[in-house]
Amino acid sequence: MYAVIKTGGKQYRVAADDKIQIEKLVGEPGDQVQFTDVLMVANGDAIEIGAPFLAGATVVGEIASQDRGPKVIIFKKRRRKHYRRRNGHRQDLTSVTIHEILLNGAKPSKAAAAKKAEAKPAHLDTEA
C-alpha cells in the first residue's frame, strides 16, 4: 500500500516504514505528525484518487531529525562592470519516518504509539 501526499508545496509517494526529507516542519525529533493532504492511495489493484484530496485519509509519521540541506551558491555577475555578488543558502529540512496510512477516518494504531514511546528513552535524574 502506498499514498501520494502533499506537503511543503511538493508531492511525495510514501509507504509504511519509508524515510523522507521534506520542507521544515515545526516539532522535535520523536514528535508524531499527520499528513491530511492525501492525493491518492493505492492498495494492490484498488486505487483511490481524491478531487483534490481524499476525505478521511491520513498518513501518520514521526519526526526523525531536523537537518539542513547542502549549501547552494548564488553568484551574480555583470560582465565588464566590476559587479560580482556571491551568496549562499542552506534549506531547513525535516526527516520523517512514515508509520502507517489510514483510510476512512481511522485512528492511529497503538503500535505506532508504542514505537514512538520506545524511541524516546526515559529521562533519568542523577542529581542527589
N, C-alpha and C. Protein backbone atom coordinates (compact mmCIF):
# COMPACT_ATOMS: atom_id res chain seq x y z
N MET A 1 0.84 -1.18 0.00
CA MET A 1 0.00 0.00 0.00
C MET A 1 0.89 1.24 0.00
N TYR A 2 0.55 2.21 -0.85
CA TYR A 2 1.28 3.46 -0.85
C TYR A 2 0.31 4.61 -1.05
N ALA A 3 0.79 5.82 -0.74
CA ALA A 3 -0.03 7.01 -0.87
C ALA A 3 0.81 8.13 -1.46
N VAL A 4 0.13 9.10 -2.04
CA VAL A 4 0.78 10.32 -2.51
C VAL A 4 0.26 11.45 -1.64
N ILE A 5 1.19 12.13 -0.94
CA ILE A 5 0.81 13.22 -0.04
C ILE A 5 1.39 14.53 -0.56
N LYS A 6 0.79 15.63 -0.11
CA LYS A 6 1.27 16.95 -0.48
C LYS A 6 1.69 17.67 0.80
N THR A 7 2.94 18.15 0.83
CA THR A 7 3.43 18.94 1.95
C THR A 7 4.56 19.83 1.46
N GLY A 8 4.59 21.05 1.95
CA GLY A 8 5.64 21.98 1.56
C GLY A 8 5.61 22.35 0.09
N GLY A 9 4.43 22.28 -0.55
CA GLY A 9 4.32 22.62 -1.95
C GLY A 9 4.80 21.55 -2.90
N LYS A 10 5.12 20.37 -2.37
CA LYS A 10 5.61 19.27 -3.20
C LYS A 10 4.77 18.02 -2.93
N GLN A 11 4.88 17.04 -3.82
CA GLN A 11 4.17 15.78 -3.66
C GLN A 11 5.17 14.66 -3.45
N TYR A 12 4.84 13.73 -2.54
CA TYR A 12 5.73 12.62 -2.21
C TYR A 12 4.94 11.32 -2.25
N ARG A 13 5.56 10.29 -2.82
CA ARG A 13 4.98 8.94 -2.82
C ARG A 13 5.56 8.23 -1.60
N VAL A 14 4.69 7.81 -0.67
CA VAL A 14 5.16 7.21 0.58
C VAL A 14 4.46 5.88 0.82
N ALA A 15 5.15 5.03 1.56
CA ALA A 15 4.61 3.75 2.02
C ALA A 15 5.04 3.59 3.48
N ALA A 16 4.52 2.59 4.16
CA ALA A 16 4.88 2.36 5.56
C ALA A 16 6.38 2.08 5.66
N ASP A 17 7.01 2.60 6.70
CA ASP A 17 8.44 2.46 7.00
C ASP A 17 9.36 3.20 6.03
N ASP A 18 8.82 4.12 5.24
CA ASP A 18 9.67 4.96 4.38
C ASP A 18 10.24 6.11 5.19
N LYS A 19 11.43 6.58 4.80
CA LYS A 19 12.02 7.79 5.38
C LYS A 19 12.08 8.82 4.26
N ILE A 20 11.51 10.00 4.51
CA ILE A 20 11.52 11.05 3.50
C ILE A 20 12.07 12.34 4.12
N GLN A 21 12.66 13.18 3.27
CA GLN A 21 13.11 14.51 3.69
C GLN A 21 12.19 15.52 3.05
N ILE A 22 11.55 16.35 3.90
CA ILE A 22 10.58 17.32 3.41
C ILE A 22 10.97 18.70 3.92
N GLU A 23 10.24 19.72 3.46
CA GLU A 23 10.46 21.07 3.95
C GLU A 23 10.21 21.10 5.45
N LYS A 24 10.83 22.04 6.14
CA LYS A 24 10.82 22.09 7.60
C LYS A 24 9.41 22.08 8.18
N LEU A 25 9.22 21.20 9.16
CA LEU A 25 8.00 21.15 9.97
C LEU A 25 8.36 21.57 11.39
N VAL A 26 7.43 22.19 12.07
CA VAL A 26 7.64 22.57 13.46
C VAL A 26 7.49 21.33 14.32
N GLY A 27 8.47 21.07 15.19
CA GLY A 27 8.41 19.92 16.08
C GLY A 27 9.79 19.42 16.42
N GLU A 28 9.83 18.59 17.44
CA GLU A 28 11.08 17.99 17.91
C GLU A 28 11.19 16.57 17.38
N PRO A 29 12.42 16.03 17.28
CA PRO A 29 12.56 14.62 16.92
C PRO A 29 11.80 13.73 17.90
N GLY A 30 11.02 12.81 17.37
CA GLY A 30 10.18 11.93 18.18
C GLY A 30 8.72 12.35 18.19
N ASP A 31 8.42 13.58 17.76
CA ASP A 31 7.03 14.03 17.70
C ASP A 31 6.30 13.34 16.55
N GLN A 32 5.01 13.08 16.77
CA GLN A 32 4.20 12.44 15.74
C GLN A 32 3.58 13.51 14.85
N VAL A 33 3.57 13.27 13.54
CA VAL A 33 2.96 14.19 12.58
C VAL A 33 1.92 13.45 11.75
N GLN A 34 0.90 14.18 11.33
CA GLN A 34 -0.14 13.60 10.49
C GLN A 34 -0.29 14.46 9.24
N PHE A 35 -0.29 13.82 8.09
CA PHE A 35 -0.49 14.50 6.82
C PHE A 35 -1.90 14.18 6.34
N THR A 36 -2.74 15.22 6.27
CA THR A 36 -4.13 15.02 5.86
C THR A 36 -4.35 15.34 4.39
N ASP A 37 -3.37 15.97 3.74
CA ASP A 37 -3.48 16.27 2.31
C ASP A 37 -3.03 15.06 1.51
N VAL A 38 -3.88 14.04 1.46
CA VAL A 38 -3.58 12.80 0.74
C VAL A 38 -4.25 12.88 -0.63
N LEU A 39 -3.45 12.81 -1.68
CA LEU A 39 -3.96 12.95 -3.04
C LEU A 39 -4.42 11.63 -3.63
N MET A 40 -3.74 10.53 -3.25
CA MET A 40 -4.05 9.23 -3.84
C MET A 40 -3.60 8.12 -2.90
N VAL A 41 -4.35 7.01 -2.88
CA VAL A 41 -3.96 5.82 -2.13
C VAL A 41 -4.13 4.62 -3.05
N ALA A 42 -3.11 3.77 -3.09
CA ALA A 42 -3.17 2.55 -3.89
C ALA A 42 -2.92 1.36 -2.98
N ASN A 43 -3.83 0.39 -3.03
CA ASN A 43 -3.71 -0.83 -2.25
C ASN A 43 -3.87 -2.00 -3.22
N GLY A 44 -2.74 -2.49 -3.73
CA GLY A 44 -2.81 -3.54 -4.74
C GLY A 44 -3.36 -2.96 -6.03
N ASP A 45 -4.47 -3.53 -6.52
CA ASP A 45 -5.10 -3.02 -7.74
C ASP A 45 -6.14 -1.93 -7.45
N ALA A 46 -6.52 -1.77 -6.18
CA ALA A 46 -7.51 -0.76 -5.82
C ALA A 46 -6.82 0.60 -5.67
N ILE A 47 -7.23 1.56 -6.49
CA ILE A 47 -6.65 2.89 -6.46
C ILE A 47 -7.75 3.90 -6.19
N GLU A 48 -7.53 4.76 -5.19
CA GLU A 48 -8.47 5.83 -4.88
C GLU A 48 -7.77 7.16 -5.15
N ILE A 49 -8.43 8.01 -5.93
CA ILE A 49 -7.86 9.31 -6.27
C ILE A 49 -8.79 10.38 -5.73
N GLY A 50 -8.22 11.36 -5.04
CA GLY A 50 -9.00 12.45 -4.48
C GLY A 50 -9.24 13.56 -5.48
N ALA A 51 -10.21 14.42 -5.16
CA ALA A 51 -10.50 15.56 -6.02
C ALA A 51 -10.66 16.81 -5.18
N PRO A 52 -9.64 17.49 -4.72
CA PRO A 52 -8.22 17.18 -4.88
C PRO A 52 -7.67 16.24 -3.81
N PHE A 53 -8.33 16.17 -2.62
CA PHE A 53 -7.81 15.31 -1.54
C PHE A 53 -8.83 14.23 -1.20
N LEU A 54 -8.34 13.12 -0.63
CA LEU A 54 -9.21 12.04 -0.17
C LEU A 54 -9.75 12.39 1.21
N ALA A 55 -11.06 12.34 1.37
CA ALA A 55 -11.68 12.64 2.65
C ALA A 55 -11.45 11.47 3.60
N GLY A 56 -10.99 11.76 4.81
CA GLY A 56 -10.79 10.73 5.82
C GLY A 56 -9.47 9.99 5.71
N ALA A 57 -8.65 10.31 4.74
CA ALA A 57 -7.36 9.63 4.59
C ALA A 57 -6.27 10.43 5.30
N THR A 58 -5.41 9.73 6.03
CA THR A 58 -4.34 10.36 6.78
C THR A 58 -3.10 9.50 6.70
N VAL A 59 -1.94 10.14 6.63
CA VAL A 59 -0.66 9.43 6.70
C VAL A 59 0.00 9.85 8.01
N VAL A 60 0.37 8.87 8.83
CA VAL A 60 0.95 9.12 10.15
C VAL A 60 2.44 8.84 10.09
N GLY A 61 3.22 9.76 10.65
CA GLY A 61 4.67 9.59 10.68
C GLY A 61 5.25 10.17 11.95
N GLU A 62 6.57 10.10 12.04
CA GLU A 62 7.28 10.59 13.21
C GLU A 62 8.50 11.37 12.74
N ILE A 63 8.74 12.52 13.37
CA ILE A 63 9.90 13.33 13.01
C ILE A 63 11.15 12.61 13.49
N ALA A 64 12.06 12.30 12.55
CA ALA A 64 13.30 11.61 12.89
C ALA A 64 14.39 12.61 13.25
N SER A 65 14.51 13.69 12.47
CA SER A 65 15.53 14.70 12.75
C SER A 65 15.20 15.99 12.02
N GLN A 66 15.80 17.07 12.51
CA GLN A 66 15.73 18.38 11.86
C GLN A 66 17.12 18.65 11.29
N ASP A 67 17.23 18.79 9.97
CA ASP A 67 18.52 18.92 9.30
C ASP A 67 18.54 20.18 8.44
N ARG A 68 19.71 20.39 7.81
CA ARG A 68 19.86 21.44 6.82
C ARG A 68 20.41 20.81 5.56
N GLY A 69 19.93 21.27 4.43
CA GLY A 69 20.37 20.73 3.15
C GLY A 69 21.75 21.22 2.77
N PRO A 70 22.24 20.80 1.62
CA PRO A 70 23.56 21.24 1.16
C PRO A 70 23.55 22.72 0.79
N LYS A 71 24.72 23.35 0.85
CA LYS A 71 24.81 24.77 0.52
C LYS A 71 24.69 24.97 -0.99
N VAL A 72 23.84 25.91 -1.37
CA VAL A 72 23.67 26.28 -2.77
C VAL A 72 24.29 27.66 -2.93
N ILE A 73 25.21 27.80 -3.89
CA ILE A 73 25.89 29.07 -4.12
C ILE A 73 25.13 29.86 -5.19
N ILE A 74 24.83 31.13 -4.86
CA ILE A 74 24.20 32.04 -5.80
C ILE A 74 25.26 33.04 -6.21
N PHE A 75 25.60 33.10 -7.49
CA PHE A 75 26.64 34.00 -7.97
C PHE A 75 26.07 34.87 -9.07
N LYS A 76 26.12 36.20 -8.86
CA LYS A 76 25.63 37.15 -9.85
C LYS A 76 26.83 37.92 -10.40
N LYS A 77 26.81 38.16 -11.71
CA LYS A 77 27.91 38.89 -12.32
C LYS A 77 27.39 39.66 -13.53
N ARG A 78 27.88 40.89 -13.67
CA ARG A 78 27.62 41.67 -14.88
C ARG A 78 28.96 41.91 -15.55
N ARG A 79 29.10 41.42 -16.74
CA ARG A 79 30.39 41.50 -17.40
C ARG A 79 30.80 42.94 -17.68
N ARG A 80 32.07 43.17 -17.55
CA ARG A 80 32.72 44.46 -17.81
C ARG A 80 32.26 45.58 -16.88
N LYS A 81 31.53 45.30 -15.84
CA LYS A 81 31.03 46.34 -14.94
C LYS A 81 31.60 46.22 -13.53
N HIS A 82 32.48 45.28 -13.31
CA HIS A 82 33.09 45.05 -11.99
C HIS A 82 32.00 44.80 -10.92
N TYR A 83 30.99 44.03 -11.30
CA TYR A 83 29.89 43.71 -10.38
C TYR A 83 29.85 42.21 -10.18
N ARG A 84 30.14 41.79 -8.95
CA ARG A 84 30.06 40.37 -8.60
C ARG A 84 29.45 40.25 -7.21
N ARG A 85 28.50 39.36 -7.05
CA ARG A 85 27.89 39.10 -5.74
C ARG A 85 27.86 37.59 -5.54
N ARG A 86 28.33 37.16 -4.38
CA ARG A 86 28.33 35.73 -4.05
C ARG A 86 27.50 35.55 -2.79
N ASN A 87 26.55 34.66 -2.84
CA ASN A 87 25.65 34.41 -1.73
C ASN A 87 25.47 32.91 -1.57
N GLY A 88 25.10 32.48 -0.39
CA GLY A 88 24.85 31.06 -0.16
C GLY A 88 23.52 30.85 0.55
N HIS A 89 22.98 29.64 0.40
CA HIS A 89 21.70 29.31 1.05
C HIS A 89 21.69 27.84 1.44
N ARG A 90 21.23 27.56 2.66
CA ARG A 90 21.01 26.18 3.11
C ARG A 90 19.57 26.07 3.56
N GLN A 91 18.83 25.15 2.96
CA GLN A 91 17.41 24.97 3.26
C GLN A 91 17.24 24.12 4.52
N ASP A 92 16.30 24.51 5.39
CA ASP A 92 15.97 23.71 6.56
C ASP A 92 15.08 22.55 6.12
N LEU A 93 15.43 21.34 6.54
CA LEU A 93 14.70 20.13 6.16
C LEU A 93 14.31 19.34 7.40
N THR A 94 13.29 18.52 7.26
CA THR A 94 12.85 17.62 8.32
C THR A 94 12.82 16.20 7.77
N SER A 95 13.47 15.27 8.47
CA SER A 95 13.40 13.85 8.10
C SER A 95 12.23 13.22 8.84
N VAL A 96 11.36 12.55 8.10
CA VAL A 96 10.16 11.95 8.68
C VAL A 96 10.14 10.46 8.33
N THR A 97 9.84 9.63 9.33
CA THR A 97 9.63 8.20 9.12
C THR A 97 8.13 7.96 9.07
N ILE A 98 7.66 7.37 7.98
CA ILE A 98 6.22 7.11 7.81
C ILE A 98 5.88 5.81 8.54
N HIS A 99 4.85 5.84 9.39
CA HIS A 99 4.44 4.65 10.14
C HIS A 99 3.29 3.91 9.46
N GLU A 100 2.22 4.64 9.12
CA GLU A 100 1.07 3.95 8.54
C GLU A 100 0.21 4.90 7.71
N ILE A 101 -0.60 4.29 6.85
CA ILE A 101 -1.54 5.01 6.00
C ILE A 101 -2.94 4.62 6.46
N LEU A 102 -3.73 5.62 6.85
CA LEU A 102 -5.07 5.36 7.40
C LEU A 102 -6.14 5.84 6.42
N LEU A 103 -7.20 5.05 6.31
CA LEU A 103 -8.32 5.39 5.42
C LEU A 103 -9.60 5.50 6.23
N ASN A 104 -10.58 6.21 5.68
CA ASN A 104 -11.93 6.32 6.24
C ASN A 104 -11.93 6.83 7.68
N GLY A 105 -11.07 7.77 8.00
CA GLY A 105 -11.06 8.39 9.32
C GLY A 105 -10.58 7.51 10.45
N ALA A 106 -9.83 6.44 10.16
CA ALA A 106 -9.33 5.54 11.20
C ALA A 106 -8.31 6.26 12.07
N LYS A 107 -8.21 5.84 13.32
CA LYS A 107 -7.27 6.42 14.27
C LYS A 107 -5.93 5.70 14.17
N PRO A 108 -4.81 6.38 14.53
CA PRO A 108 -3.50 5.71 14.52
C PRO A 108 -3.50 4.53 15.48
N SER A 109 -2.83 3.45 15.07
CA SER A 109 -2.82 2.23 15.88
C SER A 109 -1.92 2.39 17.09
N LYS A 110 -2.09 1.50 18.06
CA LYS A 110 -1.28 1.53 19.28
C LYS A 110 0.17 1.17 18.97
N ALA A 111 0.42 0.40 17.90
CA ALA A 111 1.78 0.01 17.54
C ALA A 111 2.62 1.24 17.19
N ALA A 112 2.02 2.20 16.50
CA ALA A 112 2.75 3.42 16.15
C ALA A 112 3.07 4.22 17.40
N ALA A 113 2.13 4.27 18.34
CA ALA A 113 2.37 4.99 19.59
C ALA A 113 3.42 4.28 20.43
N ALA A 114 3.40 2.94 20.44
CA ALA A 114 4.39 2.18 21.20
C ALA A 114 5.77 2.35 20.59
N LYS A 115 5.85 2.39 19.27
CA LYS A 115 7.13 2.59 18.59
C LYS A 115 7.70 3.95 18.97
N LYS A 116 6.81 4.94 19.10
CA LYS A 116 7.23 6.28 19.48
C LYS A 116 7.75 6.29 20.92
N ALA A 117 7.07 5.57 21.82
CA ALA A 117 7.48 5.51 23.22
C ALA A 117 8.82 4.79 23.37
N GLU A 118 9.05 3.76 22.55
CA GLU A 118 10.32 3.03 22.57
C GLU A 118 11.48 3.92 22.15
N ALA A 119 11.24 4.77 21.17
CA ALA A 119 12.30 5.60 20.62
C ALA A 119 12.78 6.64 21.62
N LYS A 120 11.90 7.10 22.50
CA LYS A 120 12.27 8.11 23.49
C LYS A 120 12.70 7.41 24.78
N PRO A 121 13.99 7.48 25.15
CA PRO A 121 14.41 6.88 26.41
C PRO A 121 13.90 7.71 27.59
N ALA A 122 13.67 7.04 28.70
CA ALA A 122 13.20 7.73 29.90
C ALA A 122 14.31 8.61 30.43
N HIS A 123 13.97 9.84 30.83
CA HIS A 123 14.95 10.78 31.35
C HIS A 123 15.23 10.45 32.81
N LEU A 124 16.47 10.23 33.13
CA LEU A 124 16.86 9.88 34.49
C LEU A 124 17.53 11.06 35.16
N ASP A 125 17.09 11.40 36.36
CA ASP A 125 17.74 12.45 37.13
C ASP A 125 18.84 11.83 37.97
N THR A 126 20.06 12.32 37.81
CA THR A 126 21.19 11.77 38.57
C THR A 126 21.59 12.68 39.71
N GLU A 127 20.87 13.80 39.85
CA GLU A 127 21.19 14.71 40.96
C GLU A 127 20.65 14.14 42.26
N ALA A 128 21.46 14.24 43.33
CA ALA A 128 21.03 13.71 44.62
C ALA A 128 20.83 14.79 45.63
